[in-house]
Amino acid sequence: MAKSEYVHKSHNVTMILYHFVCPAKYRQIVFEDQEVERVMRETCEGIEQRYEIRFLEIGSDMNHVHFLVQSVPMLSPTQIIRTIKSITAKQIFKECPQVKERLWGGSFWTSGYFVNTVGLHGNEETIARYVRDQGKEQEYRKFQGQQASFFE
């Protein structure tokens, strides 16, 4: 689809990339249908026109979809995926009624999803080294070495 770019706003410049994985409801095989893939692609193009969400890649495996998405800091990952899932589900059900028959509960997507941030310039180790190497070596102080655990 597209390539990531820096997003320039009045007070910030960002490049925020997310990798989302969304399973179809009941893990039903729905993406083998070329029509479903076409509707998904066209709907995502429409989402790009209305929201600050860019789809860099969309890939499907019979019962789930991977989205590589670029967005802005004002949209949380939850807001992004809620927008994507609700609009695509409505459109797929509208244009592909055969799918609604297979997903008897009235929902296209499961309620859950996977999300991971994607680094353009390196992985966690590379960024940690970059932060550590800022300033002069003898002046460097480590503020925090471990990530806070919110789930203990």
N, C-alpha and C. Protein backbone atom coordinates (compact mmCIF):
# COMPACT_ATOMS: atom_id res chain seq x y z
N MET A 1 0.83 -1.19 0.00
CA MET A 1 0.00 0.00 0.00
C MET A 1 0.88 1.25 0.00
N ALA A 2 1.16 1.80 1.17
CA ALA A 2 1.89 3.05 1.26
C ALA A 2 3.17 2.85 2.06
N LYS A 3 3.97 3.88 2.10
CA LYS A 3 5.20 3.86 2.90
C LYS A 3 5.04 4.87 4.02
N SER A 4 5.61 4.56 5.19
CA SER A 4 5.48 5.47 6.33
C SER A 4 6.19 6.79 6.04
N GLU A 5 5.63 7.84 6.61
CA GLU A 5 6.19 9.18 6.46
C GLU A 5 6.09 9.90 7.80
N TYR A 6 6.91 10.90 7.99
CA TYR A 6 6.77 11.74 9.17
C TYR A 6 5.49 12.55 9.02
N VAL A 7 4.71 12.64 10.09
CA VAL A 7 3.48 13.42 10.10
C VAL A 7 3.80 14.75 10.77
N HIS A 8 3.66 15.82 10.03
CA HIS A 8 3.97 17.16 10.53
C HIS A 8 2.69 17.87 10.95
N LYS A 9 2.61 18.19 12.24
CA LYS A 9 1.49 18.97 12.79
C LYS A 9 2.05 20.30 13.27
N SER A 10 1.17 21.17 13.76
CA SER A 10 1.63 22.51 14.16
C SER A 10 2.64 22.47 15.31
N HIS A 11 2.54 21.48 16.21
CA HIS A 11 3.44 21.46 17.36
C HIS A 11 4.22 20.17 17.54
N ASN A 12 4.16 19.27 16.57
CA ASN A 12 4.92 18.04 16.70
C ASN A 12 5.14 17.39 15.34
N VAL A 13 6.12 16.54 15.33
CA VAL A 13 6.41 15.70 14.16
C VAL A 13 6.49 14.27 14.69
N THR A 14 5.71 13.38 14.09
CA THR A 14 5.65 12.01 14.61
C THR A 14 5.72 10.98 13.49
N MET A 15 6.08 9.77 13.90
CA MET A 15 5.98 8.60 13.05
C MET A 15 5.62 7.45 13.98
N ILE A 16 4.34 7.19 14.10
CA ILE A 16 3.84 6.17 15.01
C ILE A 16 3.24 5.04 14.17
N LEU A 17 3.81 3.85 14.32
CA LEU A 17 3.37 2.69 13.56
C LEU A 17 2.88 1.61 14.52
N TYR A 18 1.77 0.97 14.14
CA TYR A 18 1.21 -0.12 14.93
C TYR A 18 0.99 -1.34 14.04
N HIS A 19 1.21 -2.51 14.62
CA HIS A 19 0.87 -3.77 13.98
C HIS A 19 -0.31 -4.35 14.76
N PHE A 20 -1.46 -4.45 14.10
CA PHE A 20 -2.66 -5.02 14.70
C PHE A 20 -2.95 -6.38 14.08
N VAL A 21 -3.44 -7.30 14.88
CA VAL A 21 -3.94 -8.57 14.37
C VAL A 21 -5.36 -8.73 14.91
N CYS A 22 -6.30 -8.94 14.00
CA CYS A 22 -7.72 -9.05 14.37
C CYS A 22 -8.29 -10.35 13.84
N PRO A 23 -8.71 -11.25 14.73
CA PRO A 23 -9.34 -12.49 14.29
C PRO A 23 -10.82 -12.28 13.96
N ALA A 24 -11.30 -13.03 13.00
CA ALA A 24 -12.73 -13.04 12.70
C ALA A 24 -13.45 -13.74 13.84
N LYS A 25 -14.70 -13.39 14.04
CA LYS A 25 -15.51 -13.99 15.09
C LYS A 25 -15.53 -15.51 14.94
N TYR A 26 -15.39 -16.20 16.07
CA TYR A 26 -15.36 -17.67 16.12
C TYR A 26 -14.21 -18.25 15.31
N ARG A 27 -13.26 -17.41 14.94
CA ARG A 27 -12.12 -17.84 14.11
C ARG A 27 -12.60 -18.52 12.83
N GLN A 28 -13.72 -18.05 12.33
CA GLN A 28 -14.27 -18.59 11.08
C GLN A 28 -13.38 -18.20 9.90
N ILE A 29 -13.31 -19.08 8.93
CA ILE A 29 -12.54 -18.81 7.72
C ILE A 29 -13.41 -17.95 6.80
N VAL A 30 -13.10 -16.66 6.75
CA VAL A 30 -13.90 -15.73 5.94
C VAL A 30 -13.06 -14.99 4.90
N PHE A 31 -11.75 -15.04 5.03
CA PHE A 31 -10.91 -14.24 4.14
C PHE A 31 -10.41 -15.00 2.93
N GLU A 32 -10.91 -16.22 2.70
CA GLU A 32 -10.54 -16.92 1.47
C GLU A 32 -11.34 -16.38 0.29
N ASP A 33 -12.40 -15.66 0.59
CA ASP A 33 -13.29 -15.08 -0.42
C ASP A 33 -12.66 -13.78 -0.96
N GLN A 34 -12.39 -13.74 -2.24
CA GLN A 34 -11.77 -12.56 -2.87
C GLN A 34 -12.65 -11.31 -2.72
N GLU A 35 -13.95 -11.51 -2.69
CA GLU A 35 -14.87 -10.39 -2.53
C GLU A 35 -14.71 -9.74 -1.16
N VAL A 36 -14.52 -10.55 -0.13
CA VAL A 36 -14.32 -10.01 1.23
C VAL A 36 -13.02 -9.22 1.27
N GLU A 37 -11.98 -9.74 0.66
CA GLU A 37 -10.70 -9.01 0.63
C GLU A 37 -10.83 -7.69 -0.13
N ARG A 38 -11.57 -7.69 -1.23
CA ARG A 38 -11.77 -6.46 -2.00
C ARG A 38 -12.51 -5.42 -1.16
N VAL A 39 -13.59 -5.83 -0.51
CA VAL A 39 -14.36 -4.91 0.32
C VAL A 39 -13.49 -4.38 1.47
N MET A 40 -12.70 -5.26 2.08
CA MET A 40 -11.81 -4.84 3.17
C MET A 40 -10.84 -3.78 2.67
N ARG A 41 -10.21 -4.03 1.54
CA ARG A 41 -9.23 -3.08 1.00
C ARG A 41 -9.88 -1.74 0.67
N GLU A 42 -11.01 -1.77 -0.03
CA GLU A 42 -11.68 -0.52 -0.40
C GLU A 42 -12.19 0.24 0.81
N THR A 43 -12.67 -0.48 1.81
CA THR A 43 -13.15 0.17 3.03
C THR A 43 -11.99 0.83 3.77
N CYS A 44 -10.86 0.17 3.82
CA CYS A 44 -9.68 0.76 4.47
C CYS A 44 -9.21 2.00 3.72
N GLU A 45 -9.32 2.00 2.40
CA GLU A 45 -8.98 3.20 1.64
C GLU A 45 -9.92 4.34 2.01
N GLY A 46 -11.19 4.03 2.23
CA GLY A 46 -12.15 5.04 2.67
C GLY A 46 -11.85 5.57 4.06
N ILE A 47 -11.42 4.67 4.95
CA ILE A 47 -11.04 5.09 6.31
C ILE A 47 -9.88 6.07 6.25
N GLU A 48 -8.92 5.82 5.37
CA GLU A 48 -7.78 6.73 5.21
C GLU A 48 -8.24 8.14 4.82
N GLN A 49 -9.30 8.23 4.04
CA GLN A 49 -9.79 9.53 3.58
C GLN A 49 -10.46 10.32 4.70
N ARG A 50 -11.08 9.61 5.66
CA ARG A 50 -11.86 10.28 6.69
C ARG A 50 -11.15 10.44 8.03
N TYR A 51 -10.16 9.60 8.30
CA TYR A 51 -9.48 9.60 9.60
C TYR A 51 -7.97 9.73 9.40
N GLU A 52 -7.28 10.09 10.46
CA GLU A 52 -5.82 10.17 10.38
C GLU A 52 -5.24 8.79 10.66
N ILE A 53 -5.61 7.86 9.81
CA ILE A 53 -5.16 6.47 9.88
C ILE A 53 -4.70 6.08 8.48
N ARG A 54 -3.45 5.64 8.38
CA ARG A 54 -2.92 5.19 7.08
C ARG A 54 -2.59 3.71 7.17
N PHE A 55 -3.01 2.97 6.17
CA PHE A 55 -2.72 1.55 6.11
C PHE A 55 -1.48 1.36 5.24
N LEU A 56 -0.40 0.90 5.87
CA LEU A 56 0.83 0.66 5.13
C LEU A 56 0.81 -0.73 4.50
N GLU A 57 0.21 -1.69 5.20
CA GLU A 57 0.06 -3.06 4.69
C GLU A 57 -1.20 -3.66 5.31
N ILE A 58 -1.86 -4.50 4.53
CA ILE A 58 -2.98 -5.30 5.03
C ILE A 58 -2.75 -6.70 4.50
N GLY A 59 -2.73 -7.66 5.39
CA GLY A 59 -2.54 -9.04 4.97
C GLY A 59 -3.50 -9.94 5.72
N SER A 60 -4.06 -10.91 5.02
CA SER A 60 -5.01 -11.79 5.68
C SER A 60 -4.54 -13.23 5.63
N ASP A 61 -4.95 -13.95 6.65
CA ASP A 61 -4.78 -15.40 6.70
C ASP A 61 -6.17 -15.91 7.00
N MET A 62 -6.65 -16.85 6.36
CA MET A 62 -8.02 -17.33 6.33
C MET A 62 -8.96 -16.81 7.44
N ASN A 63 -8.48 -16.73 8.71
CA ASN A 63 -9.38 -16.35 9.79
C ASN A 63 -8.96 -15.12 10.59
N HIS A 64 -7.96 -14.42 10.13
CA HIS A 64 -7.56 -13.17 10.79
C HIS A 64 -6.85 -12.25 9.81
N VAL A 65 -6.73 -10.98 10.21
CA VAL A 65 -6.12 -9.97 9.35
C VAL A 65 -5.03 -9.24 10.12
N HIS A 66 -3.94 -8.96 9.43
CA HIS A 66 -2.86 -8.13 9.98
C HIS A 66 -2.95 -6.76 9.33
N PHE A 67 -2.87 -5.71 10.15
CA PHE A 67 -2.85 -4.34 9.66
C PHE A 67 -1.57 -3.69 10.15
N LEU A 68 -0.80 -3.10 9.24
CA LEU A 68 0.32 -2.23 9.61
C LEU A 68 -0.19 -0.82 9.38
N VAL A 69 -0.35 -0.06 10.47
CA VAL A 69 -1.05 1.21 10.45
C VAL A 69 -0.15 2.32 10.97
N GLN A 70 -0.25 3.48 10.34
CA GLN A 70 0.40 4.68 10.85
C GLN A 70 -0.68 5.66 11.26
N SER A 71 -0.50 6.30 12.41
CA SER A 71 -1.49 7.26 12.87
C SER A 71 -0.81 8.39 13.62
N VAL A 72 -1.61 9.16 14.32
CA VAL A 72 -1.13 10.34 15.04
C VAL A 72 -1.30 10.13 16.54
N PRO A 73 -0.57 10.89 17.38
CA PRO A 73 -0.63 10.69 18.83
C PRO A 73 -2.01 10.94 19.44
N MET A 74 -2.85 11.72 18.79
CA MET A 74 -4.17 12.03 19.34
C MET A 74 -5.10 10.81 19.32
N LEU A 75 -4.78 9.80 18.52
CA LEU A 75 -5.59 8.59 18.44
C LEU A 75 -4.88 7.46 19.17
N SER A 76 -5.54 6.90 20.16
CA SER A 76 -4.96 5.77 20.88
C SER A 76 -5.10 4.51 20.03
N PRO A 77 -4.31 3.48 20.33
CA PRO A 77 -4.47 2.21 19.60
C PRO A 77 -5.90 1.67 19.70
N THR A 78 -6.54 1.84 20.85
CA THR A 78 -7.92 1.38 21.01
C THR A 78 -8.86 2.14 20.09
N GLN A 79 -8.71 3.45 20.00
CA GLN A 79 -9.56 4.24 19.09
C GLN A 79 -9.33 3.83 17.64
N ILE A 80 -8.09 3.59 17.28
CA ILE A 80 -7.75 3.22 15.90
C ILE A 80 -8.42 1.89 15.54
N ILE A 81 -8.23 0.87 16.37
CA ILE A 81 -8.74 -0.44 16.02
C ILE A 81 -10.26 -0.49 16.12
N ARG A 82 -10.83 0.26 17.05
CA ARG A 82 -12.29 0.33 17.13
C ARG A 82 -12.87 0.91 15.84
N THR A 83 -12.24 1.95 15.33
CA THR A 83 -12.68 2.57 14.08
C THR A 83 -12.57 1.58 12.92
N ILE A 84 -11.42 0.94 12.82
CA ILE A 84 -11.18 -0.01 11.72
C ILE A 84 -12.18 -1.16 11.78
N LYS A 85 -12.31 -1.77 12.95
CA LYS A 85 -13.17 -2.95 13.08
C LYS A 85 -14.64 -2.62 12.84
N SER A 86 -15.12 -1.50 13.38
CA SER A 86 -16.55 -1.20 13.23
C SER A 86 -16.91 -0.87 11.79
N ILE A 87 -16.10 -0.06 11.12
CA ILE A 87 -16.42 0.34 9.75
C ILE A 87 -16.27 -0.83 8.79
N THR A 88 -15.19 -1.61 8.93
CA THR A 88 -15.00 -2.74 8.01
C THR A 88 -16.10 -3.79 8.21
N ALA A 89 -16.49 -4.05 9.45
CA ALA A 89 -17.54 -5.05 9.70
C ALA A 89 -18.85 -4.64 9.04
N LYS A 90 -19.25 -3.39 9.24
CA LYS A 90 -20.50 -2.92 8.64
C LYS A 90 -20.47 -3.05 7.12
N GLN A 91 -19.35 -2.67 6.53
CA GLN A 91 -19.26 -2.69 5.06
C GLN A 91 -19.21 -4.12 4.51
N ILE A 92 -18.48 -4.99 5.19
CA ILE A 92 -18.41 -6.38 4.72
C ILE A 92 -19.78 -7.04 4.83
N PHE A 93 -20.48 -6.84 5.93
CA PHE A 93 -21.82 -7.41 6.06
C PHE A 93 -22.77 -6.85 5.01
N LYS A 94 -22.60 -5.58 4.68
CA LYS A 94 -23.47 -4.94 3.69
C LYS A 94 -23.22 -5.50 2.28
N GLU A 95 -21.95 -5.63 1.90
CA GLU A 95 -21.61 -6.03 0.54
C GLU A 95 -21.42 -7.53 0.36
N CYS A 96 -21.23 -8.27 1.44
CA CYS A 96 -20.99 -9.71 1.36
C CYS A 96 -21.95 -10.43 2.32
N PRO A 97 -23.23 -10.49 1.98
CA PRO A 97 -24.20 -11.09 2.90
C PRO A 97 -23.93 -12.56 3.23
N GLN A 98 -23.20 -13.26 2.38
CA GLN A 98 -22.88 -14.65 2.64
C GLN A 98 -22.02 -14.80 3.90
N VAL A 99 -21.26 -13.76 4.24
CA VAL A 99 -20.40 -13.81 5.42
C VAL A 99 -21.26 -13.75 6.68
N LYS A 100 -22.30 -12.94 6.66
CA LYS A 100 -23.18 -12.81 7.82
C LYS A 100 -23.82 -14.14 8.18
N GLU A 101 -24.09 -14.97 7.19
CA GLU A 101 -24.67 -16.30 7.44
C GLU A 101 -23.69 -17.19 8.20
N ARG A 102 -22.41 -17.04 7.91
CA ARG A 102 -21.38 -17.87 8.57
C ARG A 102 -21.09 -17.40 9.98
N LEU A 103 -21.27 -16.11 10.23
CA LEU A 103 -21.01 -15.54 11.55
C LEU A 103 -22.35 -15.24 12.22
N TRP A 104 -22.94 -16.26 12.77
CA TRP A 104 -24.32 -16.23 13.23
C TRP A 104 -24.58 -15.28 14.39
N GLY A 105 -23.56 -14.78 15.06
CA GLY A 105 -23.77 -13.93 16.24
C GLY A 105 -23.97 -12.46 15.93
N GLY A 106 -23.85 -12.06 14.68
CA GLY A 106 -24.04 -10.66 14.32
C GLY A 106 -22.78 -9.81 14.39
N SER A 107 -21.66 -10.39 14.81
CA SER A 107 -20.39 -9.66 14.86
C SER A 107 -19.43 -10.24 13.83
N PHE A 108 -18.65 -9.37 13.22
CA PHE A 108 -17.65 -9.85 12.26
C PHE A 108 -16.35 -10.20 12.96
N TRP A 109 -15.93 -9.33 13.90
CA TRP A 109 -14.65 -9.48 14.59
C TRP A 109 -14.84 -10.03 16.00
N THR A 110 -13.79 -10.66 16.54
CA THR A 110 -13.78 -10.97 17.97
C THR A 110 -13.64 -9.65 18.70
N SER A 111 -13.91 -9.65 20.00
CA SER A 111 -13.79 -8.41 20.75
C SER A 111 -12.32 -8.06 21.01
N GLY A 112 -11.44 -9.03 20.97
CA GLY A 112 -10.03 -8.78 21.25
C GLY A 112 -9.21 -8.50 20.02
N TYR A 113 -7.96 -8.15 20.23
CA TYR A 113 -7.01 -7.90 19.16
C TYR A 113 -5.61 -7.91 19.73
N PHE A 114 -4.62 -8.01 18.87
CA PHE A 114 -3.22 -7.88 19.25
C PHE A 114 -2.72 -6.56 18.68
N VAL A 115 -1.93 -5.84 19.46
CA VAL A 115 -1.30 -4.63 18.95
C VAL A 115 0.14 -4.57 19.46
N ASN A 116 1.02 -4.10 18.60
CA ASN A 116 2.42 -3.92 18.95
C ASN A 116 2.91 -2.68 18.23
N THR A 117 3.74 -1.90 18.89
CA THR A 117 4.32 -0.76 18.21
C THR A 117 5.45 -1.24 17.32
N VAL A 118 5.69 -0.51 16.27
CA VAL A 118 6.72 -0.87 15.29
C VAL A 118 7.72 0.26 15.22
N GLY A 119 8.99 -0.06 15.42
CA GLY A 119 10.02 0.95 15.36
C GLY A 119 10.61 1.07 13.98
N LEU A 120 10.75 2.30 13.52
CA LEU A 120 11.32 2.53 12.21
C LEU A 120 12.85 2.44 12.25
N HIS A 121 13.43 2.93 13.34
CA HIS A 121 14.88 3.06 13.40
C HIS A 121 15.55 2.04 14.30
N GLY A 122 14.87 0.99 14.69
CA GLY A 122 15.53 -0.03 15.48
C GLY A 122 14.63 -0.65 16.51
N ASN A 123 15.15 -1.69 17.11
CA ASN A 123 14.40 -2.40 18.13
C ASN A 123 14.66 -1.80 19.50
N GLU A 124 14.14 -2.41 20.54
CA GLU A 124 14.29 -1.90 21.90
C GLU A 124 15.75 -1.73 22.29
N GLU A 125 16.58 -2.69 21.94
CA GLU A 125 18.00 -2.63 22.28
C GLU A 125 18.68 -1.44 21.60
N THR A 126 18.38 -1.21 20.34
CA THR A 126 18.97 -0.10 19.59
C THR A 126 18.57 1.24 20.20
N ILE A 127 17.30 1.40 20.53
CA ILE A 127 16.82 2.65 21.12
C ILE A 127 17.41 2.84 22.51
N ALA A 128 17.50 1.77 23.31
CA ALA A 128 18.10 1.87 24.65
C ALA A 128 19.55 2.33 24.54
N ARG A 129 20.29 1.78 23.58
CA ARG A 129 21.68 2.19 23.37
C ARG A 129 21.75 3.65 22.96
N TYR A 130 20.85 4.07 22.08
CA TYR A 130 20.80 5.47 21.63
C TYR A 130 20.56 6.41 22.81
N VAL A 131 19.60 6.06 23.66
CA VAL A 131 19.31 6.90 24.83
C VAL A 131 20.49 6.91 25.78
N ARG A 132 21.09 5.75 26.02
CA ARG A 132 22.23 5.63 26.93
C ARG A 132 23.42 6.45 26.44
N ASP A 133 23.61 6.53 25.14
CA ASP A 133 24.76 7.21 24.58
C ASP A 133 24.57 8.71 24.40
N GLN A 134 23.47 9.25 24.87
CA GLN A 134 23.25 10.69 24.77
C GLN A 134 24.18 11.43 25.73
N GLY A 135 24.65 12.58 25.32
CA GLY A 135 25.53 13.37 26.18
C GLY A 135 26.88 12.71 26.33
N LYS A 136 27.65 13.20 27.26
CA LYS A 136 28.97 12.63 27.52
C LYS A 136 28.83 11.41 28.41
N GLU A 137 29.64 10.42 28.17
CA GLU A 137 29.53 9.16 28.86
C GLU A 137 29.60 9.31 30.38
N GLN A 138 30.52 10.14 30.89
CA GLN A 138 30.66 10.28 32.34
C GLN A 138 29.52 11.08 32.95
N GLU A 139 28.77 11.84 32.15
CA GLU A 139 27.65 12.61 32.68
C GLU A 139 26.33 11.85 32.61
N TYR A 140 26.32 10.71 31.97
CA TYR A 140 25.08 9.97 31.79
C TYR A 140 24.60 9.37 33.10
N ARG A 141 23.33 9.57 33.40
CA ARG A 141 22.69 8.95 34.56
C ARG A 141 21.48 8.17 34.06
N LYS A 142 21.35 6.99 34.55
CA LYS A 142 20.23 6.14 34.16
C LYS A 142 19.05 6.46 35.09
N PHE A 143 17.99 7.03 34.54
CA PHE A 143 16.82 7.40 35.35
C PHE A 143 16.02 6.17 35.76
N GLN A 144 15.83 5.27 34.80
CA GLN A 144 15.01 4.09 35.07
C GLN A 144 15.52 2.96 34.20
N GLY A 145 15.77 1.83 34.82
CA GLY A 145 16.31 0.71 34.07
C GLY A 145 15.30 -0.34 33.71
N GLN A 146 14.28 -0.48 34.51
CA GLN A 146 13.26 -1.48 34.25
C GLN A 146 11.95 -0.77 33.96
N GLN A 147 11.18 -1.35 33.08
CA GLN A 147 9.86 -0.82 32.79
C GLN A 147 8.95 -1.12 33.97
N ALA A 148 8.12 -0.17 34.34
CA ALA A 148 7.19 -0.38 35.43
C ALA A 148 6.21 -1.50 35.08
N SER A 149 5.94 -2.33 36.04
CA SER A 149 5.00 -3.41 35.81
C SER A 149 3.65 -3.02 36.38
N PHE A 150 2.66 -2.87 35.52
CA PHE A 150 1.34 -2.43 35.93
C PHE A 150 0.43 -3.61 36.27
N PHE A 151 0.91 -4.82 36.05
CA PHE A 151 0.05 -5.99 36.20
C PHE A 151 0.49 -6.90 37.34
N GLU A 152 1.25 -6.40 38.27
CA GLU A 152 1.71 -7.24 39.39
C GLU A 152 0.62 -7.34 40.44
